[in-house]
């Protein structure tokens, strides 16, 4: 969905937001990424240069009626 860098305040935190249809799709992506040679080289470079000091994962759901997600039938998007 995008990468977000600090604009004001803390300058050592950034976010990369990605979206998947399901947890299974995400797990499949992670497995492919770990098996990908270029992905492994990229991760090793980032680790060596200390570009990623800490990684956290949080699983969220879009609020109905936002980010291009249609509201549930009968639900008001406002």
Protein backbone atom coordinates (compact mmCIF):
# COMPACT_ATOMS: atom_id res chain seq x y z
CA UNK A 1 0.00 0.00 0.00
CA UNK A 2 2.95 2.29 0.59
CA UNK A 3 5.99 3.27 2.60
CA UNK A 4 5.85 6.09 5.11
CA UNK A 5 8.81 8.05 6.48
CA UNK A 6 8.88 10.52 9.36
CA UNK A 7 8.04 14.12 8.55
CA UNK A 8 8.22 15.64 12.03
CA UNK A 9 9.09 14.22 15.43
CA UNK A 10 10.78 10.84 15.73
CA UNK A 11 13.12 10.29 12.80
CA UNK A 12 14.04 6.65 13.33
CA UNK A 13 10.69 5.03 12.63
CA UNK A 14 9.16 4.27 9.25
CA UNK A 15 6.30 2.09 8.11
CA UNK A 16 5.68 -0.14 5.15
CA UNK A 17 2.03 -1.08 4.76
CA UNK A 18 1.20 -4.13 2.70
CA UNK A 19 -2.15 -5.78 2.10
CA UNK A 20 -3.15 -9.36 1.42
CA UNK A 21 -6.48 -11.05 0.82
CA UNK A 22 -5.94 -13.39 3.77
CA UNK A 23 -3.47 -14.58 6.38
CA UNK A 24 -2.81 -17.63 4.20
CA UNK A 25 -1.87 -15.34 1.27
CA UNK A 26 0.51 -13.45 3.56
CA UNK A 27 2.11 -16.68 4.80
CA UNK A 28 2.57 -17.85 1.21
CA UNK A 29 4.24 -14.51 0.35
CA UNK A 30 6.61 -14.86 3.33
CA UNK A 31 7.58 -18.38 2.25
CA UNK A 32 8.30 -17.21 -1.31
CA UNK A 33 10.30 -14.23 -0.02
CA UNK A 34 12.48 -16.43 2.19
CA UNK A 35 13.19 -18.72 -0.79
CA UNK A 36 13.96 -15.88 -3.23
CA UNK A 37 17.71 -15.36 -3.82
CA UNK A 38 17.41 -11.65 -4.58
CA UNK A 39 15.17 -11.16 -1.54
CA UNK A 40 17.74 -12.92 0.65
CA UNK A 41 20.54 -10.73 -0.71
CA UNK A 42 18.46 -7.60 -0.10
CA UNK A 43 17.72 -8.65 3.48
CA UNK A 44 21.41 -9.47 4.12
CA UNK A 45 22.45 -6.04 2.80
CA UNK A 46 19.87 -4.27 4.99
CA UNK A 47 21.04 -6.29 8.01
CA UNK A 48 24.73 -5.58 7.30
CA UNK A 49 24.11 -1.84 6.90
CA UNK A 50 21.78 -1.81 9.92
CA UNK A 51 18.96 -0.29 7.87
CA UNK A 52 16.40 -2.26 9.87
CA UNK A 53 17.07 -2.17 13.59
CA UNK A 54 13.72 -3.55 14.68
CA UNK A 55 10.84 -5.12 12.81
CA UNK A 56 7.34 -5.48 14.17
CA UNK A 57 4.28 -6.92 12.51
CA UNK A 58 0.77 -5.88 13.35
CA UNK A 59 -2.23 -7.39 11.63
CA UNK A 60 -5.11 -4.99 11.09
CA UNK A 61 -8.32 -4.87 9.08
CA UNK A 62 -9.52 -1.92 7.03
CA UNK A 63 -12.48 -0.03 8.45
CA UNK A 64 -15.52 -0.76 6.33
CA UNK A 65 -16.17 2.06 3.87
CA UNK A 66 -12.55 3.33 3.86
CA UNK A 67 -9.53 2.76 1.61
CA UNK A 68 -11.76 1.74 -1.25
CA UNK A 69 -13.44 -0.98 0.81
CA UNK A 70 -17.19 -0.95 0.34
CA UNK A 71 -19.29 -0.80 3.50
CA UNK A 72 -21.14 -3.91 4.60
CA UNK A 73 -24.64 -4.17 3.13
CA UNK A 74 -26.98 -1.98 5.16
CA UNK A 75 -24.10 -0.18 6.93
CA UNK A 76 -23.67 3.60 6.71
CA UNK A 77 -20.11 4.53 5.60
CA UNK A 78 -20.20 7.90 7.41
